[in-house]
PDB file of N, CA and C in Angstrom:
ATOM      1  N   MET A   1       8.518  56.866  24.688  1.00  0.00           N
ATOM      2  CA  MET A   1       8.185  55.441  25.680  1.00  0.00           C
ATOM      3  C   MET A   1       7.526  56.086  27.008  1.00  0.00           C
ATOM      4  N   GLU A   2       6.448  55.408  26.996  1.00  0.00           N
ATOM      5  CA  GLU A   2       5.702  55.774  28.304  1.00  0.00           C
ATOM      6  C   GLU A   2       5.360  54.614  29.394  1.00  0.00           C
ATOM      7  N   ILE A   3       5.251  54.733  30.371  1.00  0.00           N
ATOM      8  CA  ILE A   3       4.937  53.681  31.431  1.00  0.00           C
ATOM      9  C   ILE A   3       3.807  54.082  32.172  1.00  0.00           C
ATOM     10  N   LYS A   4       2.885  53.285  32.618  1.00  0.00           N
ATOM     11  CA  LYS A   4       1.688  53.773  33.795  1.00  0.00           C
ATOM     12  C   LYS A   4       2.239  53.313  35.176  1.00  0.00           C
ATOM     13  N   VAL A   5       2.128  54.258  35.911  1.00  0.00           N
ATOM     14  CA  VAL A   5       2.704  54.015  37.365  1.00  0.00           C
ATOM     15  C   VAL A   5       1.590  53.156  38.170  1.00  0.00           C
ATOM     16  N   LEU A   6       1.853  52.265  39.034  1.00  0.00           N
ATOM     17  CA  LEU A   6       1.363  50.991  39.475  1.00  0.00           C
ATOM     18  C   LEU A   6       1.038  51.816  41.202  1.00  0.00           C
ATOM     19  N   HIS A   7       0.165  51.306  41.863  1.00  0.00           N
ATOM     20  CA  HIS A   7      -0.103  51.688  43.188  1.00  0.00           C
ATOM     21  C   HIS A   7       1.176  51.295  44.177  1.00  0.00           C
ATOM     22  N   ASN A   8       1.489  52.736  44.533  1.00  0.00           N
ATOM     23  CA  ASN A   8       2.710  52.553  45.854  1.00  0.00           C
ATOM     24  C   ASN A   8       4.183  52.588  44.995  1.00  0.00           C
ATOM     25  N   GLN A   9       4.061  53.090  43.571  1.00  0.00           N
ATOM     26  CA  GLN A   9       5.486  53.108  42.800  1.00  0.00           C
ATOM     27  C   GLN A   9       6.042  54.364  43.432  1.00  0.00           C
ATOM     28  N   THR A  10       7.472  54.466  43.458  1.00  0.00           N
ATOM     29  CA  THR A  10       8.136  55.729  43.452  1.00  0.00           C
ATOM     30  C   THR A  10       8.923  56.008  42.066  1.00  0.00           C
ATOM     31  N   LEU A  11       9.210  56.822  41.996  1.00  0.00           N
ATOM     32  CA  LEU A  11      10.335  57.199  40.698  1.00  0.00           C
ATOM     33  C   LEU A  11      11.338  56.123  41.076  1.00  0.00           C
ATOM     34  N   LEU A  12      11.977  56.183  42.124  1.00  0.00           N
ATOM     35  CA  LEU A  12      12.898  55.241  42.428  1.00  0.00           C
ATOM     36  C   LEU A  12      12.442  53.492  41.552  1.00  0.00           C
ATOM     37  N   ASP A  13      11.419  53.179  42.085  1.00  0.00           N
ATOM     38  CA  ASP A  13      10.702  51.778  41.803  1.00  0.00           C
ATOM     39  C   ASP A  13      10.902  51.849  40.177  1.00  0.00           C
ATOM     40  N   VAL A  14      10.266  52.672  39.553  1.00  0.00           N
ATOM     41  CA  VAL A  14      10.131  52.869  38.076  1.00  0.00           C
ATOM     42  C   VAL A  14      11.661  52.765  37.456  1.00  0.00           C
ATOM     43  N   SER A  15      12.411  53.502  38.182  1.00  0.00           N
ATOM     44  CA  SER A  15      13.693  53.713  37.731  1.00  0.00           C
ATOM     45  C   SER A  15      14.570  52.131  37.791  1.00  0.00           C
ATOM     46  N   ILE A  16      14.286  51.408  39.011  1.00  0.00           N
ATOM     47  CA  ILE A  16      14.729  50.116  39.267  1.00  0.00           C
ATOM     48  C   ILE A  16      14.341  48.892  38.141  1.00  0.00           C
ATOM     49  N   TYR A  17      12.933  49.220  37.822  1.00  0.00           N
ATOM     50  CA  TYR A  17      12.225  48.162  37.082  1.00  0.00           C
ATOM     51  C   TYR A  17      12.804  48.464  35.740  1.00  0.00           C
ATOM     52  N   LEU A  18      12.867  49.546  35.105  1.00  0.00           N
ATOM     53  CA  LEU A  18      12.965  49.954  33.820  1.00  0.00           C
ATOM     54  C   LEU A  18      14.911  49.844  33.302  1.00  0.00           C
ATOM     55  N   PHE A  19      15.480  50.507  34.490  1.00  0.00           N
ATOM     56  CA  PHE A  19      16.958  50.442  34.134  1.00  0.00           C
ATOM     57  C   PHE A  19      17.999  49.669  35.397  1.00  0.00           C
ATOM     58  N   GLY A  20      17.319  49.061  36.037  1.00  0.00           N
ATOM     59  CA  GLY A  20      18.086  48.158  36.799  1.00  0.00           C
ATOM     60  C   GLY A  20      18.906  48.698  37.995  1.00  0.00           C
ATOM     61  N   THR A  21      18.729  50.308  38.256  1.00  0.00           N
ATOM     62  CA  THR A  21      19.264  51.166  39.139  1.00  0.00           C
ATOM     63  C   THR A  21      18.124  52.014  39.449  1.00  0.00           C
ATOM     64  N   ALA A  22      18.432  52.795  40.557  1.00  0.00           N
ATOM     65  CA  ALA A  22      17.698  53.963  41.117  1.00  0.00           C
ATOM     66  C   ALA A  22      18.220  54.804  40.370  1.00  0.00           C
ATOM     67  N   LYS A  23      19.560  54.991  39.854  1.00  0.00           N
ATOM     68  CA  LYS A  23      20.217  56.306  39.148  1.00  0.00           C
ATOM     69  C   LYS A  23      19.267  56.907  38.167  1.00  0.00           C
ATOM     70  N   GLY A  24      18.437  56.216  37.573  1.00  0.00           N
ATOM     71  CA  GLY A  24      17.505  56.952  36.336  1.00  0.00           C
ATOM     72  C   GLY A  24      16.425  57.754  37.106  1.00  0.00           C
ATOM     73  N   ALA A  25      16.071  57.375  38.463  1.00  0.00           N
ATOM     74  CA  ALA A  25      15.249  58.389  38.864  1.00  0.00           C
ATOM     75  C   ALA A  25      15.272  59.959  38.650  1.00  0.00           C
ATOM     76  N   PHE A  26      16.689  60.230  38.310  1.00  0.00           N
ATOM     77  CA  PHE A  26      16.691  61.720  38.311  1.00  0.00           C
ATOM     78  C   PHE A  26      16.174  62.293  37.174  1.00  0.00           C
ATOM     79  N   GLN A  27      16.728  61.608  36.164  1.00  0.00           N
ATOM     80  CA  GLN A  27      16.488  61.564  34.748  1.00  0.00           C
ATOM     81  C   GLN A  27      14.811  61.446  34.517  1.00  0.00           C
ATOM     82  N   LEU A  28      14.058  60.585  35.023  1.00  0.00           N
ATOM     83  CA  LEU A  28      12.630  60.437  34.978  1.00  0.00           C
ATOM     84  C   LEU A  28      12.090  61.871  35.366  1.00  0.00           C
ATOM     85  N   ALA A  29      12.407  62.297  36.886  1.00  0.00           N
ATOM     86  CA  ALA A  29      11.730  63.197  37.359  1.00  0.00           C
ATOM     87  C   ALA A  29      12.087  64.645  36.543  1.00  0.00           C
ATOM     88  N   GLU A  30      13.499  64.709  35.809  1.00  0.00           N
ATOM     89  CA  GLU A  30      13.565  65.656  35.058  1.00  0.00           C
ATOM     90  C   GLU A  30      12.814  65.725  33.813  1.00  0.00           C
ATOM     91  N   VAL A  31      12.637  64.934  33.057  1.00  0.00           N
ATOM     92  CA  VAL A  31      11.808  64.676  31.781  1.00  0.00           C
ATOM     93  C   VAL A  31      10.164  64.751  32.146  1.00  0.00           C
ATOM     94  N   ASN A  32       9.743  64.229  33.578  1.00  0.00           N
ATOM     95  CA  ASN A  32       8.442  64.678  33.531  1.00  0.00           C
ATOM     96  C   ASN A  32       7.898  65.707  34.678  1.00  0.00           C
ATOM     97  N   ASN A  33       9.106  66.589  34.705  1.00  0.00           N
ATOM     98  CA  ASN A  33       9.040  68.103  35.534  1.00  0.00           C
ATOM     99  C   ASN A  33       8.387  67.513  37.294  1.00  0.00           C
ATOM    100  N   LEU A  34       9.139  66.657  37.533  1.00  0.00           N
ATOM    101  CA  LEU A  34       8.819  66.239  38.872  1.00  0.00           C
ATOM    102  C   LEU A  34      10.262  66.423  39.845  1.00  0.00           C
ATOM    103  N   SER A  35       9.842  66.289  41.023  1.00  0.00           N
ATOM    104  CA  SER A  35      11.062  66.089  41.866  1.00  0.00           C
ATOM    105  C   SER A  35      11.170  64.540  42.362  1.00  0.00           C
ATOM    106  N   VAL A  36      12.242  64.277  42.529  1.00  0.00           N
ATOM    107  CA  VAL A  36      12.643  62.961  43.010  1.00  0.00           C
ATOM    108  C   VAL A  36      11.973  62.455  44.356  1.00  0.00           C
ATOM    109  N   THR A  37      11.620  63.129  45.004  1.00  0.00           N
ATOM    110  CA  THR A  37      10.578  62.825  46.196  1.00  0.00           C
ATOM    111  C   THR A  37       9.312  63.210  45.825  1.00  0.00           C
ATOM    112  N   ASP A  38       8.728  63.527  44.861  1.00  0.00           N
ATOM    113  CA  ASP A  38       7.182  63.852  44.419  1.00  0.00           C
ATOM    114  C   ASP A  38       6.424  62.320  44.621  1.00  0.00           C
ATOM    115  N   ASP A  39       5.653  62.523  45.311  1.00  0.00           N
ATOM    116  CA  ASP A  39       4.533  61.365  45.069  1.00  0.00           C
ATOM    117  C   ASP A  39       4.088  61.164  43.732  1.00  0.00           C
ATOM    118  N   ILE A  40       4.093  60.014  43.187  1.00  0.00           N
ATOM    119  CA  ILE A  40       3.314  59.981  42.103  1.00  0.00           C
ATOM    120  C   ILE A  40       2.370  59.019  42.196  1.00  0.00           C
ATOM    121  N   ILE A  41       0.939  58.974  41.316  1.00  0.00           N
ATOM    122  CA  ILE A  41      -0.136  58.277  41.722  1.00  0.00           C
ATOM    123  C   ILE A  41      -0.174  57.129  40.681  1.00  0.00           C
ATOM    124  N   ALA A  42      -0.999  56.338  40.962  1.00  0.00           N
ATOM    125  CA  ALA A  42      -1.459  55.039  40.140  1.00  0.00           C
ATOM    126  C   ALA A  42      -2.239  55.435  38.727  1.00  0.00           C
ATOM    127  N   GLY A  43      -1.865  55.017  37.977  1.00  0.00           N
ATOM    128  CA  GLY A  43      -2.525  55.338  36.515  1.00  0.00           C
ATOM    129  C   GLY A  43      -1.720  56.483  35.837  1.00  0.00           C
ATOM    130  N   GLN A  44      -1.028  57.325  36.690  1.00  0.00           N
ATOM    131  CA  GLN A  44       0.034  58.252  36.063  1.00  0.00           C
ATOM    132  C   GLN A  44       0.783  57.977  34.988  1.00  0.00           C
ATOM    133  N   ILE A  45       0.940  58.494  33.791  1.00  0.00           N
ATOM    134  CA  ILE A  45       1.788  58.300  32.754  1.00  0.00           C
ATOM    135  C   ILE A  45       3.163  59.262  32.924  1.00  0.00           C
ATOM    136  N   LEU A  46       4.205  58.193  32.892  1.00  0.00           N
ATOM    137  CA  LEU A  46       5.422  58.887  32.760  1.00  0.00           C
ATOM    138  C   LEU A  46       6.448  58.875  31.679  1.00  0.00           C
ATOM    139  N   GLU A  47       6.933  59.954  31.120  1.00  0.00           N
ATOM    140  CA  GLU A  47       7.477  59.800  29.896  1.00  0.00           C
ATOM    141  C   GLU A  47       8.788  59.278  30.265  1.00  0.00           C
ATOM    142  N   ILE A  48       9.444  58.297  29.342  1.00  0.00           N
ATOM    143  CA  ILE A  48      10.393  57.421  29.659  1.00  0.00           C
ATOM    144  C   ILE A  48      11.779  57.806  28.473  1.00  0.00           C
ATOM    145  N   PRO A  49      12.939  58.247  28.934  1.00  0.00           N
ATOM    146  CA  PRO A  49      13.878  58.852  28.004  1.00  0.00           C
ATOM    147  C   PRO A  49      14.414  57.580  27.330  1.00  0.00           C
ATOM    148  N   ASN A  50      14.619  57.573  25.902  1.00  0.00           N
ATOM    149  CA  ASN A  50      14.971  56.542  25.026  1.00  0.00           C
ATOM    150  C   ASN A  50      16.155  56.102  25.282  1.00  0.00           C
ATOM    151  N   ASP A  51      17.247  56.962  25.568  1.00  0.00           N
ATOM    152  CA  ASP A  51      18.661  56.899  25.473  1.00  0.00           C
ATOM    153  C   ASP A  51      19.281  56.665  26.706  1.00  0.00           C
ATOM    154  N   LEU A  52      18.685  56.064  27.933  1.00  0.00           N
ATOM    155  CA  LEU A  52      19.412  55.979  29.073  1.00  0.00           C
ATOM    156  C   LEU A  52      19.747  54.588  29.021  1.00  0.00           C
ATOM    157  N   ASP A  53      20.742  53.990  29.778  1.00  0.00           N
ATOM    158  CA  ASP A  53      21.365  52.766  29.744  1.00  0.00           C
ATOM    159  C   ASP A  53      22.532  53.209  30.983  1.00  0.00           C
ATOM    160  N   PHE A  54      22.442  52.178  32.101  1.00  0.00           N
ATOM    161  CA  PHE A  54      23.499  52.354  33.208  1.00  0.00           C
ATOM    162  C   PHE A  54      23.785  51.044  33.231  1.00  0.00           C
ATOM    163  N   GLY A  55      24.112  50.398  32.435  1.00  0.00           N
ATOM    164  CA  GLY A  55      24.790  48.998  32.346  1.00  0.00           C
ATOM    165  C   GLY A  55      24.188  47.949  32.960  1.00  0.00           C
ATOM    166  N   GLU A  56      23.116  47.893  33.583  1.00  0.00           N
ATOM    167  CA  GLU A  56      22.427  47.070  34.267  1.00  0.00           C
ATOM    168  C   GLU A  56      21.329  46.008  33.537  1.00  0.00           C
ATOM    169  N   ARG A  57      21.616  45.743  32.373  1.00  0.00           N
ATOM    170  CA  ARG A  57      20.668  44.909  31.536  1.00  0.00           C
ATOM    171  C   ARG A  57      20.322  43.590  32.514  1.00  0.00           C
ATOM    172  N   LEU A  58      21.388  43.084  33.033  1.00  0.00           N
ATOM    173  CA  LEU A  58      21.031  41.525  33.629  1.00  0.00           C
ATOM    174  C   LEU A  58      20.123  41.609  34.612  1.00  0.00           C
ATOM    175  N   THR A  59      20.210  43.116  35.184  1.00  0.00           N
ATOM    176  CA  THR A  59      18.992  43.322  36.405  1.00  0.00           C
ATOM    177  C   THR A  59      17.612  43.728  35.868  1.00  0.00           C
ATOM    178  N   VAL A  60      17.716  44.422  34.878  1.00  0.00           N
ATOM    179  CA  VAL A  60      16.498  44.699  34.008  1.00  0.00           C
ATOM    180  C   VAL A  60      15.711  43.406  33.399  1.00  0.00           C
ATOM    181  N   GLU A  61      16.607  42.443  32.776  1.00  0.00           N
ATOM    182  CA  GLU A  61      15.795  41.218  32.241  1.00  0.00           C
ATOM    183  C   GLU A  61      15.424  40.444  33.618  1.00  0.00           C
ATOM    184  N   TYR A  62      16.124  40.522  34.573  1.00  0.00           N
ATOM    185  CA  TYR A  62      15.514  39.598  35.733  1.00  0.00           C
ATOM    186  C   TYR A  62      14.262  40.168  36.174  1.00  0.00           C
ATOM    187  N   TYR A  63      14.429  41.516  36.511  1.00  0.00           N
ATOM    188  CA  TYR A  63      12.924  41.897  36.818  1.00  0.00           C
ATOM    189  C   TYR A  63      11.796  41.674  35.651  1.00  0.00           C
ATOM    190  N   GLN A  64      12.002  41.958  34.668  1.00  0.00           N
ATOM    191  CA  GLN A  64      10.879  41.661  33.626  1.00  0.00           C
ATOM    192  C   GLN A  64      10.617  40.241  33.417  1.00  0.00           C
ATOM    193  N   LEU A  65      11.500  39.007  33.414  1.00  0.00           N
ATOM    194  CA  LEU A  65      11.228  37.994  33.056  1.00  0.00           C
ATOM    195  C   LEU A  65      10.477  37.502  34.356  1.00  0.00           C
ATOM    196  N   GLU A  66      10.568  37.815  35.530  1.00  0.00           N
ATOM    197  CA  GLU A  66      10.042  36.988  36.726  1.00  0.00           C
ATOM    198  C   GLU A  66       8.658  38.452  37.257  1.00  0.00           C
ATOM    199  N   ASN A  67       8.786  39.158  36.049  1.00  0.00           N
ATOM    200  CA  ASN A  67       7.528  39.947  36.261  1.00  0.00           C
ATOM    201  C   ASN A  67       7.335  40.936  37.463  1.00  0.00           C
ATOM    202  N   LEU A  68       8.315  41.233  38.186  1.00  0.00           N
ATOM    203  CA  LEU A  68       8.643  42.023  39.429  1.00  0.00           C
ATOM    204  C   LEU A  68       8.695  43.607  39.054  1.00  0.00           C
ATOM    205  N   LYS A  69       7.720  44.202  39.712  1.00  0.00           N
ATOM    206  CA  LYS A  69       7.362  45.783  39.490  1.00  0.00           C
ATOM    207  C   LYS A  69       7.558  46.113  41.067  1.00  0.00           C
ATOM    208  N   PRO A  70       8.448  46.652  41.259  1.00  0.00           N
ATOM    209  CA  PRO A  70       8.690  47.275  42.576  1.00  0.00           C
ATOM    210  C   PRO A  70       7.649  48.418  42.937  1.00  0.00           C
ATOM    211  N   ALA A  71       7.040  48.567  44.235  1.00  0.00           N
ATOM    212  CA  ALA A  71       6.192  49.309  44.609  1.00  0.00           C
ATOM    213  C   ALA A  71       6.445  49.467  45.980  1.00  0.00           C
ATOM    214  N   THR A  72       7.419  50.387  46.616  1.00  0.00           N
ATOM    215  CA  THR A  72       7.796  50.526  47.820  1.00  0.00           C
ATOM    216  C   THR A  72       7.297  51.473  48.611  1.00  0.00           C
ATOM    217  N   ALA A  73       6.509  52.713  48.176  1.00  0.00           N
ATOM    218  CA  ALA A  73       5.910  53.585  48.625  1.00  0.00           C
ATOM    219  C   ALA A  73       5.041  53.249  49.877  1.00  0.00           C
ATOM    220  N   ILE A  74       5.145  54.089  50.896  1.00  0.00           N
ATOM    221  CA  ILE A  74       4.604  53.907  52.060  1.00  0.00           C
ATOM    222  C   ILE A  74       3.765  55.139  52.610  1.00  0.00           C
ATOM    223  N   GLN A  75       2.145  54.858  52.869  1.00  0.00           N
ATOM    224  CA  GLN A  75       1.603  56.114  52.956  1.00  0.00           C
ATOM    225  C   GLN A  75       1.661  56.328  54.532  1.00  0.00           C
ATOM    226  N   LEU A  76       1.737  57.744  55.105  1.00  0.00           N
ATOM    227  CA  LEU A  76       1.533  58.156  56.256  1.00  0.00           C
ATOM    228  C   LEU A  76       0.477  57.421  57.070  1.00  0.00           C
ATOM    229  N   GLU A  77      -0.614  57.192  56.525  1.00  0.00           N
ATOM    230  CA  GLU A  77      -1.828  56.172  57.374  1.00  0.00           C
ATOM    231  C   GLU A  77      -1.188  54.971  57.798  1.00  0.00           C
ATOM    232  N   THR A  78      -0.368  54.211  57.079  1.00  0.00           N
ATOM    233  CA  THR A  78       0.293  53.173  57.465  1.00  0.00           C
ATOM    234  C   THR A  78       1.110  53.250  58.250  1.00  0.00           C
ATOM    235  N   LEU A  79       1.917  54.037  58.278  1.00  0.00           N
ATOM    236  CA  LEU A  79       2.891  54.437  59.796  1.00  0.00           C
ATOM    237  C   LEU A  79       2.299  54.470  60.828  1.00  0.00           C
ATOM    238  N   GLU A  80       1.016  55.096  60.742  1.00  0.00           N
ATOM    239  CA  GLU A  80       0.249  54.957  62.081  1.00  0.00           C
ATOM    240  C   GLU A  80      -0.143  53.820  62.536  1.00  0.00           C
ATOM    241  N   ILE A  81      -0.383  52.571  61.591  1.00  0.00           N
ATOM    242  CA  ILE A  81      -0.660  51.358  62.272  1.00  0.00           C
ATOM    243  C   ILE A  81       0.426  50.833  62.555  1.00  0.00           C
ATOM    244  N   ILE A  82       1.522  50.601  61.728  1.00  0.00           N
ATOM    245  CA  ILE A  82       2.695  49.931  62.130  1.00  0.00           C
ATOM    246  C   ILE A  82       3.514  50.180  63.388  1.00  0.00           C
ATOM    247  N   GLU A  83       3.994  49.554  64.103  1.00  0.00           N
ATOM    248  CA  GLU A  83       4.470  49.756  65.329  1.00  0.00           C
ATOM    249  C   GLU A  83       5.828  49.722  65.222  1.00  0.00           C
ATOM    250  N   LEU A  84       6.494  51.281  65.273  1.00  0.00           N
ATOM    251  CA  LEU A  84       8.007  51.230  64.826  1.00  0.00           C
ATOM    252  C   LEU A  84       8.868  51.190  65.890  1.00  0.00           C
ATOM    253  N   PRO A  85      10.313  50.699  65.836  1.00  0.00           N
ATOM    254  CA  PRO A  85      11.000  50.898  66.755  1.00  0.00           C
ATOM    255  C   PRO A  85      11.168  52.435  67.223  1.00  0.00           C
ATOM    256  N   SER A  86      11.551  52.528  68.397  1.00  0.00           N
ATOM    257  CA  SER A  86      11.554  53.924  68.827  1.00  0.00           C
ATOM    258  C   SER A  86      13.323  54.325  69.299  1.00  0.00           C
ATOM    259  N   GLY A  87      13.064  55.644  69.587  1.00  0.00           N
ATOM    260  CA  GLY A  87      14.470  56.196  69.897  1.00  0.00           C
ATOM    261  C   GLY A  87      15.032  57.127  68.917  1.00  0.00           C
ATOM    262  N   ILE A  88      15.978  57.722  69.300  1.00  0.00           N
ATOM    263  CA  ILE A  88      16.729  58.677  68.368  1.00  0.00           C
ATOM    264  C   ILE A  88      17.111  58.276  66.873  1.00  0.00           C
ATOM    265  N   ASP A  89      17.736  56.983  67.131  1.00  0.00           N
ATOM    266  CA  ASP A  89      17.898  56.618  65.930  1.00  0.00           C
ATOM    267  C   ASP A  89      16.865  56.002  64.892  1.00  0.00           C
ATOM    268  N   TYR A  90      15.641  56.114  65.272  1.00  0.00           N
ATOM    269  CA  TYR A  90      14.245  55.957  64.389  1.00  0.00           C
ATOM    270  C   TYR A  90      13.302  57.150  64.137  1.00  0.00           C
ATOM    271  N   TRP A  91      13.639  58.168  64.632  1.00  0.00           N
ATOM    272  CA  TRP A  91      12.738  59.186  64.795  1.00  0.00           C
ATOM    273  C   TRP A  91      12.813  60.002  63.269  1.00  0.00           C
ATOM    274  N   ALA A  92      11.851  60.601  63.036  1.00  0.00           N
ATOM    275  CA  ALA A  92      11.821  61.124  61.771  1.00  0.00           C
ATOM    276  C   ALA A  92      11.246  62.737  61.890  1.00  0.00           C
ATOM    277  N   ILE A  93      11.667  63.453  61.705  1.00  0.00           N
ATOM    278  CA  ILE A  93      11.408  64.856  61.783  1.00  0.00           C
ATOM    279  C   ILE A  93      10.086  65.150  61.240  1.00  0.00           C
ATOM    280  N   GLN A  94       9.173  65.444  61.851  1.00  0.00           N
ATOM    281  CA  GLN A  94       8.097  66.211  61.437  1.00  0.00           C
ATOM    282  C   GLN A  94       6.881  64.830  61.626  1.00  0.00           C
ATOM    283  N   ILE A  95       7.479  63.577  62.274  1.00  0.00           N
ATOM    284  CA  ILE A  95       6.640  62.205  62.133  1.00  0.00           C
ATOM    285  C   ILE A  95       6.605  62.177  63.470  1.00  0.00           C
ATOM    286  N   ASP A  96       7.555  61.892  64.192  1.00  0.00           N
ATOM    287  CA  ASP A  96       7.898  61.684  65.880  1.00  0.00           C
ATOM    288  C   ASP A  96       8.781  62.423  66.458  1.00  0.00           C
ATOM    289  N   PHE A  97       9.192  63.401  65.509  1.00  0.00           N
ATOM    290  CA  PHE A  97      10.215  63.999  66.299  1.00  0.00           C
ATOM    291  C   PHE A  97      10.315  65.491  65.887  1.00  0.00           C
ATOM    292  N   GLU A  98       9.797  66.372  67.131  1.00  0.00           N
ATOM    293  CA  GLU A  98       9.698  67.716  66.875  1.00  0.00           C
ATOM    294  C   GLU A  98      11.098  68.683  67.294  1.00  0.00           C
ATOM    295  N   ILE A  99      11.197  69.342  66.468  1.00  0.00           N
ATOM    296  CA  ILE A  99      12.265  70.492  66.612  1.00  0.00           C
ATOM    297  C   ILE A  99      11.778  71.671  67.297  1.00  0.00           C
ATOM    298  N   GLN A 100      12.204  72.229  68.620  1.00  0.00           N
ATOM    299  CA  GLN A 100      11.721  73.090  69.060  1.00  0.00           C
ATOM    300  C   GLN A 100      12.899  74.542  69.239  1.00  0.00           C
TER     301      GLN A 100
END
């Protein structure tokens, strides 16, 4: 089985849509020769393992019945526009926190 990636989707988003949990992201990454943290692009085709079941059938059915397709990736350009909270609790390495 295959699925076409939507704009701003991550492997975690695809896993939640297909399996009802983020746990499947690791298998998706492995089957597609990706890292779980790799950016995937809209239109990219991902191979979906047929034998995965994480016992979250009700969640999967809800997402599919409501036509919910998570897409939670955020681009660095967007982070520059959004005014984020400040302070050490919110800083991210290589974005607004510099290690010297």
